[in-house]
Amino acid sequence: MSIPEQIENYITSQPEPKRSEMQALHTRILEALPGCKLWFEDGKNADNKTVSNPNIGYGLYTIKYADGKTRDFFQIGLSANTTGISVYILGLTDKTYLAQTYGKDLGKASVTGYCIKFKNLKDINIDVLETAIRDGVEITREK
């Protein structure tokens, strides 16, 4: 199954209203990052055990580990969780950046070092979220 098919299956498997909100965010991220590499992580490890929520990934970022190894991964992640939706902005070295830069303008969202979590799209300012996504991609591209 192709990555776009996996993504579509993941989105359509969500209950409403999360399904519509995930589709709207997916479309918005694709518009914000035209031509980006798409990923789908099913949340399972090598032993087929579930270790995380599935993620739709966008863009390309090289993770550098302490032992010197590297791994290609997505820059932006989109995932449904039990209470809502999470958007991950990976590769930011300043773990206070997202909260300090966007936290007060995002609306009703929990903002950590690399994750913006919210219950519903209506609770947040989607334009601010899009700006945070674009900004995160730019910052990680500069490394």
N, C-alpha and C. Protein backbone atom coordinates (compact mmCIF):
# COMPACT_ATOMS: atom_id res chain seq x y z
N MET A 1 0.85 -1.18 0.00
CA MET A 1 0.00 0.00 0.00
C MET A 1 0.89 1.24 0.00
N SER A 2 0.56 2.21 -0.83
CA SER A 2 1.37 3.43 -0.93
C SER A 2 1.20 4.30 0.32
N ILE A 3 2.15 5.19 0.52
CA ILE A 3 2.07 6.10 1.67
C ILE A 3 0.81 6.96 1.61
N PRO A 4 0.47 7.57 0.44
CA PRO A 4 -0.79 8.34 0.41
C PRO A 4 -2.02 7.49 0.78
N GLU A 5 -2.03 6.21 0.38
CA GLU A 5 -3.15 5.33 0.74
C GLU A 5 -3.16 5.04 2.24
N GLN A 6 -1.98 4.82 2.82
CA GLN A 6 -1.89 4.60 4.26
C GLN A 6 -2.40 5.82 5.03
N ILE A 7 -2.01 7.00 4.56
CA ILE A 7 -2.44 8.25 5.20
C ILE A 7 -3.95 8.38 5.11
N GLU A 8 -4.50 8.14 3.92
CA GLU A 8 -5.95 8.26 3.74
C GLU A 8 -6.69 7.26 4.63
N ASN A 9 -6.19 6.02 4.71
CA ASN A 9 -6.82 5.01 5.57
C ASN A 9 -6.77 5.43 7.03
N TYR A 10 -5.63 5.99 7.46
CA TYR A 10 -5.48 6.43 8.85
C TYR A 10 -6.49 7.55 9.15
N ILE A 11 -6.56 8.54 8.27
CA ILE A 11 -7.48 9.66 8.50
C ILE A 11 -8.93 9.16 8.52
N THR A 12 -9.29 8.34 7.53
CA THR A 12 -10.70 7.89 7.46
C THR A 12 -11.06 6.93 8.59
N SER A 13 -10.07 6.35 9.26
CA SER A 13 -10.36 5.46 10.39
C SER A 13 -10.71 6.22 11.66
N GLN A 14 -10.51 7.54 11.66
CA GLN A 14 -10.79 8.34 12.85
C GLN A 14 -12.29 8.63 12.96
N PRO A 15 -12.81 8.69 14.17
CA PRO A 15 -14.22 9.07 14.34
C PRO A 15 -14.39 10.56 14.06
N GLU A 16 -15.58 10.94 13.64
CA GLU A 16 -15.87 12.37 13.50
C GLU A 16 -16.01 12.97 14.89
N PRO A 17 -15.65 14.25 15.12
CA PRO A 17 -15.18 15.21 14.13
C PRO A 17 -13.67 15.14 13.86
N LYS A 18 -12.97 14.24 14.56
CA LYS A 18 -11.52 14.17 14.41
C LYS A 18 -11.13 13.88 12.96
N ARG A 19 -11.90 13.04 12.26
CA ARG A 19 -11.60 12.70 10.87
C ARG A 19 -11.55 13.96 10.00
N SER A 20 -12.58 14.78 10.09
CA SER A 20 -12.63 16.01 9.28
C SER A 20 -11.51 16.98 9.66
N GLU A 21 -11.22 17.06 10.94
CA GLU A 21 -10.18 17.98 11.40
C GLU A 21 -8.80 17.50 10.97
N MET A 22 -8.55 16.19 11.03
CA MET A 22 -7.28 15.64 10.55
C MET A 22 -7.13 15.87 9.05
N GLN A 23 -8.23 15.68 8.29
CA GLN A 23 -8.18 15.90 6.85
C GLN A 23 -7.89 17.37 6.54
N ALA A 24 -8.54 18.27 7.28
CA ALA A 24 -8.32 19.70 7.07
C ALA A 24 -6.87 20.08 7.38
N LEU A 25 -6.33 19.54 8.48
CA LEU A 25 -4.93 19.83 8.83
C LEU A 25 -3.97 19.23 7.80
N HIS A 26 -4.24 18.01 7.36
CA HIS A 26 -3.40 17.36 6.35
C HIS A 26 -3.35 18.23 5.08
N THR A 27 -4.50 18.68 4.63
CA THR A 27 -4.57 19.53 3.44
C THR A 27 -3.81 20.83 3.67
N ARG A 28 -4.00 21.43 4.82
CA ARG A 28 -3.34 22.71 5.14
C ARG A 28 -1.82 22.55 5.19
N ILE A 29 -1.33 21.46 5.77
CA ILE A 29 0.12 21.24 5.85
C ILE A 29 0.68 21.01 4.45
N LEU A 30 -0.03 20.25 3.61
CA LEU A 30 0.43 20.04 2.24
C LEU A 30 0.51 21.35 1.48
N GLU A 31 -0.44 22.25 1.72
CA GLU A 31 -0.42 23.57 1.07
C GLU A 31 0.73 24.41 1.60
N ALA A 32 1.03 24.29 2.90
CA ALA A 32 2.11 25.08 3.52
C ALA A 32 3.49 24.57 3.11
N LEU A 33 3.58 23.27 2.82
CA LEU A 33 4.86 22.64 2.50
C LEU A 33 4.75 21.91 1.15
N PRO A 34 4.54 22.66 0.07
CA PRO A 34 4.32 22.00 -1.23
C PRO A 34 5.51 21.13 -1.64
N GLY A 35 5.20 19.95 -2.13
CA GLY A 35 6.24 19.05 -2.62
C GLY A 35 7.03 18.34 -1.53
N CYS A 36 6.60 18.45 -0.27
CA CYS A 36 7.36 17.81 0.81
C CYS A 36 7.25 16.29 0.72
N LYS A 37 8.26 15.63 1.26
CA LYS A 37 8.23 14.17 1.36
C LYS A 37 7.15 13.77 2.35
N LEU A 38 6.35 12.75 2.01
CA LEU A 38 5.32 12.24 2.91
C LEU A 38 5.80 10.95 3.56
N TRP A 39 5.40 10.77 4.81
CA TRP A 39 5.75 9.59 5.60
C TRP A 39 4.48 9.06 6.25
N PHE A 40 4.50 7.78 6.58
CA PHE A 40 3.48 7.25 7.47
C PHE A 40 4.15 6.27 8.40
N GLU A 41 4.06 6.54 9.68
CA GLU A 41 4.60 5.65 10.72
C GLU A 41 3.40 5.04 11.42
N ASP A 42 3.32 3.70 11.42
CA ASP A 42 2.15 3.05 12.00
C ASP A 42 2.20 2.91 13.52
N GLY A 43 3.30 3.35 14.13
CA GLY A 43 3.42 3.30 15.59
C GLY A 43 3.86 1.96 16.14
N LYS A 44 4.28 1.05 15.25
CA LYS A 44 4.71 -0.28 15.70
C LYS A 44 6.23 -0.42 15.57
N ASN A 45 6.82 -1.17 16.50
CA ASN A 45 8.26 -1.41 16.44
C ASN A 45 8.56 -2.65 15.59
N ALA A 46 9.82 -3.08 15.57
CA ALA A 46 10.24 -4.22 14.75
C ALA A 46 9.53 -5.51 15.14
N ASP A 47 9.06 -5.61 16.39
CA ASP A 47 8.34 -6.79 16.86
C ASP A 47 6.83 -6.67 16.65
N ASN A 48 6.42 -5.62 15.89
CA ASN A 48 5.01 -5.36 15.60
C ASN A 48 4.20 -5.00 16.84
N LYS A 49 4.89 -4.50 17.89
CA LYS A 49 4.21 -4.02 19.09
C LYS A 49 3.94 -2.52 18.92
N THR A 50 2.77 -2.09 19.34
CA THR A 50 2.44 -0.67 19.27
C THR A 50 3.24 0.07 20.34
N VAL A 51 4.03 1.06 19.89
CA VAL A 51 4.87 1.83 20.81
C VAL A 51 4.51 3.32 20.80
N SER A 52 3.71 3.74 19.81
CA SER A 52 3.28 5.13 19.75
C SER A 52 2.02 5.21 18.89
N ASN A 53 1.39 6.38 18.91
CA ASN A 53 0.27 6.60 18.00
C ASN A 53 0.82 6.68 16.58
N PRO A 54 0.04 6.24 15.59
CA PRO A 54 0.48 6.43 14.21
C PRO A 54 0.70 7.92 13.91
N ASN A 55 1.60 8.21 12.99
CA ASN A 55 1.92 9.58 12.61
C ASN A 55 1.95 9.74 11.11
N ILE A 56 1.39 10.84 10.64
CA ILE A 56 1.60 11.27 9.26
C ILE A 56 2.79 12.22 9.34
N GLY A 57 3.78 12.02 8.48
CA GLY A 57 4.96 12.86 8.52
C GLY A 57 5.11 13.67 7.24
N TYR A 58 5.73 14.84 7.40
CA TYR A 58 5.93 15.76 6.28
C TYR A 58 7.36 16.28 6.32
N GLY A 59 8.00 16.35 5.16
CA GLY A 59 9.34 16.91 5.09
C GLY A 59 10.40 15.89 5.40
N LEU A 60 11.63 16.33 5.42
CA LEU A 60 12.77 15.45 5.65
C LEU A 60 13.74 16.14 6.59
N TYR A 61 14.10 15.43 7.63
CA TYR A 61 15.01 15.94 8.66
C TYR A 61 15.94 14.80 9.04
N THR A 62 17.22 15.09 9.18
CA THR A 62 18.17 14.06 9.59
C THR A 62 18.42 14.17 11.08
N ILE A 63 18.03 13.15 11.81
CA ILE A 63 18.26 13.10 13.25
C ILE A 63 19.72 12.66 13.46
N LYS A 64 20.42 13.40 14.32
CA LYS A 64 21.79 13.03 14.66
C LYS A 64 21.81 12.55 16.10
N TYR A 65 22.23 11.30 16.28
CA TYR A 65 22.27 10.70 17.62
C TYR A 65 23.62 10.95 18.28
N ALA A 66 23.66 10.83 19.59
CA ALA A 66 24.88 11.08 20.37
C ALA A 66 26.04 10.18 19.93
N ASP A 67 25.72 8.97 19.46
CA ASP A 67 26.79 8.04 19.05
C ASP A 67 27.30 8.33 17.63
N GLY A 68 26.78 9.41 17.01
CA GLY A 68 27.24 9.80 15.69
C GLY A 68 26.40 9.26 14.55
N LYS A 69 25.52 8.31 14.84
CA LYS A 69 24.66 7.76 13.79
C LYS A 69 23.60 8.78 13.41
N THR A 70 23.09 8.64 12.19
CA THR A 70 22.03 9.53 11.73
C THR A 70 20.88 8.70 11.19
N ARG A 71 19.73 9.33 11.12
CA ARG A 71 18.54 8.68 10.59
C ARG A 71 17.65 9.73 9.95
N ASP A 72 17.18 9.46 8.75
CA ASP A 72 16.22 10.36 8.12
C ASP A 72 14.86 10.16 8.76
N PHE A 73 14.16 11.26 8.96
CA PHE A 73 12.86 11.24 9.59
C PHE A 73 12.06 12.43 9.10
N PHE A 74 10.81 12.53 9.50
CA PHE A 74 10.01 13.69 9.09
C PHE A 74 10.27 14.89 9.99
N GLN A 75 10.02 16.10 9.45
CA GLN A 75 10.16 17.32 10.23
C GLN A 75 8.88 17.64 11.00
N ILE A 76 7.75 17.39 10.36
CA ILE A 76 6.45 17.71 10.94
C ILE A 76 5.65 16.42 11.05
N GLY A 77 5.03 16.19 12.20
CA GLY A 77 4.21 15.01 12.39
C GLY A 77 2.79 15.41 12.78
N LEU A 78 1.83 14.63 12.33
CA LEU A 78 0.42 14.85 12.65
C LEU A 78 -0.14 13.53 13.16
N SER A 79 -0.74 13.58 14.35
CA SER A 79 -1.21 12.34 14.96
C SER A 79 -2.49 12.58 15.75
N ALA A 80 -3.40 11.61 15.65
CA ALA A 80 -4.59 11.62 16.51
C ALA A 80 -4.18 11.00 17.84
N ASN A 81 -4.70 11.56 18.93
CA ASN A 81 -4.47 10.95 20.24
C ASN A 81 -5.81 10.81 20.95
N THR A 82 -5.81 10.26 22.14
CA THR A 82 -7.08 9.97 22.81
C THR A 82 -7.90 11.23 23.10
N THR A 83 -7.24 12.35 23.31
CA THR A 83 -7.99 13.56 23.66
C THR A 83 -8.07 14.58 22.53
N GLY A 84 -7.43 14.33 21.41
CA GLY A 84 -7.47 15.31 20.33
C GLY A 84 -6.45 15.02 19.26
N ILE A 85 -5.68 16.05 18.92
CA ILE A 85 -4.71 15.99 17.83
C ILE A 85 -3.39 16.57 18.30
N SER A 86 -2.29 15.94 17.86
CA SER A 86 -0.95 16.45 18.16
C SER A 86 -0.25 16.79 16.85
N VAL A 87 0.45 17.93 16.87
CA VAL A 87 1.32 18.32 15.76
C VAL A 87 2.72 18.39 16.33
N TYR A 88 3.63 17.64 15.72
CA TYR A 88 5.02 17.59 16.18
C TYR A 88 5.89 18.40 15.23
N ILE A 89 6.74 19.22 15.80
CA ILE A 89 7.71 20.00 15.02
C ILE A 89 9.07 19.56 15.53
N LEU A 90 9.70 18.67 14.77
CA LEU A 90 10.91 18.00 15.22
C LEU A 90 12.17 18.74 14.81
N GLY A 91 13.20 18.57 15.62
CA GLY A 91 14.51 19.12 15.30
C GLY A 91 14.83 20.45 15.94
N LEU A 92 13.91 21.01 16.71
CA LEU A 92 14.18 22.28 17.38
C LEU A 92 15.11 22.02 18.57
N THR A 93 16.22 22.72 18.61
CA THR A 93 17.16 22.51 19.72
C THR A 93 16.75 23.30 20.96
N ASP A 94 16.10 24.45 20.78
CA ASP A 94 15.62 25.24 21.90
C ASP A 94 14.25 24.73 22.30
N LYS A 95 14.19 24.00 23.40
CA LYS A 95 12.94 23.35 23.81
C LYS A 95 11.91 24.32 24.39
N THR A 96 12.25 25.61 24.51
CA THR A 96 11.28 26.60 24.98
C THR A 96 10.74 27.43 23.82
N TYR A 97 11.32 27.27 22.63
CA TYR A 97 11.00 28.13 21.49
C TYR A 97 9.51 28.12 21.12
N LEU A 98 8.93 26.95 20.93
CA LEU A 98 7.53 26.88 20.50
C LEU A 98 6.60 27.56 21.50
N ALA A 99 6.76 27.22 22.77
CA ALA A 99 5.89 27.79 23.80
C ALA A 99 6.06 29.30 23.90
N GLN A 100 7.32 29.76 23.89
CA GLN A 100 7.57 31.20 24.02
C GLN A 100 7.12 31.98 22.80
N THR A 101 7.32 31.41 21.61
CA THR A 101 7.03 32.13 20.37
C THR A 101 5.55 32.07 20.00
N TYR A 102 4.91 30.92 20.21
CA TYR A 102 3.54 30.73 19.71
C TYR A 102 2.51 30.41 20.78
N GLY A 103 2.95 30.02 21.97
CA GLY A 103 2.04 29.55 23.00
C GLY A 103 0.87 30.46 23.28
N LYS A 104 1.11 31.75 23.46
CA LYS A 104 0.02 32.66 23.85
C LYS A 104 -0.93 32.96 22.71
N ASP A 105 -0.49 32.79 21.46
CA ASP A 105 -1.33 33.12 20.31
C ASP A 105 -2.04 31.91 19.70
N LEU A 106 -1.67 30.71 20.13
CA LEU A 106 -2.25 29.50 19.54
C LEU A 106 -3.69 29.24 19.98
N GLY A 107 -4.05 29.66 21.17
CA GLY A 107 -5.37 29.35 21.70
C GLY A 107 -5.26 28.25 22.73
N LYS A 108 -6.30 27.42 22.82
CA LYS A 108 -6.36 26.36 23.83
C LYS A 108 -5.54 25.17 23.37
N ALA A 109 -4.23 25.25 23.58
CA ALA A 109 -3.33 24.17 23.18
C ALA A 109 -2.28 23.98 24.26
N SER A 110 -1.80 22.76 24.37
CA SER A 110 -0.67 22.44 25.23
C SER A 110 0.57 22.45 24.34
N VAL A 111 1.57 23.22 24.73
CA VAL A 111 2.77 23.35 23.89
C VAL A 111 3.99 22.91 24.69
N THR A 112 4.70 21.90 24.18
CA THR A 112 5.94 21.43 24.81
C THR A 112 7.10 21.77 23.87
N GLY A 113 8.23 21.18 24.11
CA GLY A 113 9.42 21.47 23.32
C GLY A 113 9.27 21.22 21.84
N TYR A 114 8.46 20.23 21.47
CA TYR A 114 8.29 19.93 20.05
C TYR A 114 6.86 19.53 19.69
N CYS A 115 5.93 19.63 20.61
CA CYS A 115 4.56 19.16 20.36
C CYS A 115 3.53 20.23 20.69
N ILE A 116 2.57 20.38 19.79
CA ILE A 116 1.41 21.25 20.01
C ILE A 116 0.20 20.32 20.02
N LYS A 117 -0.47 20.24 21.16
CA LYS A 117 -1.59 19.32 21.33
C LYS A 117 -2.84 20.13 21.62
N PHE A 118 -3.94 19.76 20.98
CA PHE A 118 -5.20 20.47 21.18
C PHE A 118 -6.36 19.49 20.98
N LYS A 119 -7.51 19.87 21.52
CA LYS A 119 -8.69 19.00 21.46
C LYS A 119 -9.40 19.12 20.11
N ASN A 120 -9.66 20.34 19.68
CA ASN A 120 -10.39 20.59 18.43
C ASN A 120 -9.76 21.75 17.67
N LEU A 121 -9.93 21.75 16.37
CA LEU A 121 -9.41 22.86 15.56
C LEU A 121 -10.02 24.20 15.98
N LYS A 122 -11.29 24.19 16.38
CA LYS A 122 -11.95 25.45 16.76
C LYS A 122 -11.30 26.07 18.00
N ASP A 123 -10.53 25.28 18.76
CA ASP A 123 -9.89 25.78 19.98
C ASP A 123 -8.60 26.54 19.71
N ILE A 124 -8.09 26.44 18.47
CA ILE A 124 -6.79 27.05 18.19
C ILE A 124 -6.88 28.01 16.99
N ASN A 125 -5.85 28.83 16.87
CA ASN A 125 -5.70 29.71 15.71
C ASN A 125 -4.87 28.94 14.68
N ILE A 126 -5.53 28.44 13.65
CA ILE A 126 -4.85 27.58 12.67
C ILE A 126 -3.79 28.35 11.89
N ASP A 127 -3.97 29.66 11.73
CA ASP A 127 -2.94 30.46 11.03
C ASP A 127 -1.65 30.50 11.84
N VAL A 128 -1.77 30.61 13.16
CA VAL A 128 -0.59 30.60 14.03
C VAL A 128 0.06 29.21 13.99
N LEU A 129 -0.75 28.15 13.99
CA LEU A 129 -0.21 26.80 13.88
C LEU A 129 0.56 26.63 12.58
N GLU A 130 0.00 27.11 11.48
CA GLU A 130 0.69 27.01 10.18
C GLU A 130 2.01 27.78 10.21
N THR A 131 2.01 28.96 10.82
CA THR A 131 3.24 29.74 10.93
C THR A 131 4.29 28.98 11.74
N ALA A 132 3.87 28.35 12.84
CA ALA A 132 4.80 27.56 13.66
C ALA A 132 5.38 26.40 12.85
N ILE A 133 4.56 25.76 12.04
CA ILE A 133 5.02 24.65 11.20
C ILE A 133 6.04 25.14 10.19
N ARG A 134 5.71 26.21 9.47
CA ARG A 134 6.64 26.76 8.46
C ARG A 134 7.96 27.18 9.12
N ASP A 135 7.83 27.83 10.27
CA ASP A 135 8.99 28.30 11.02
C ASP A 135 9.87 27.11 11.45
N GLY A 136 9.25 26.08 11.97
CA GLY A 136 9.99 24.89 12.40
C GLY A 136 10.74 24.25 11.25
N VAL A 137 10.12 24.19 10.09
CA VAL A 137 10.79 23.61 8.91
C VAL A 137 11.98 24.48 8.52
N GLU A 138 11.80 25.79 8.54
CA GLU A 138 12.91 26.70 8.19
C GLU A 138 14.08 26.55 9.16
N ILE A 139 13.78 26.50 10.44
CA ILE A 139 14.84 26.39 11.46
C ILE A 139 15.61 25.10 11.29
N THR A 140 14.91 24.00 11.09
CA THR A 140 15.61 22.72 10.97
C THR A 140 16.33 22.60 9.63
N ARG A 141 15.86 23.31 8.63
CA ARG A 141 16.54 23.29 7.33
C ARG A 141 17.89 23.99 7.41
N GLU A 142 18.01 24.96 8.31
CA GLU A 142 19.24 25.75 8.42
C GLU A 142 20.40 25.01 9.05
N LYS A 143 20.13 23.86 9.65
CA LYS A 143 21.21 23.14 10.37
C LYS A 143 22.22 22.56 9.42
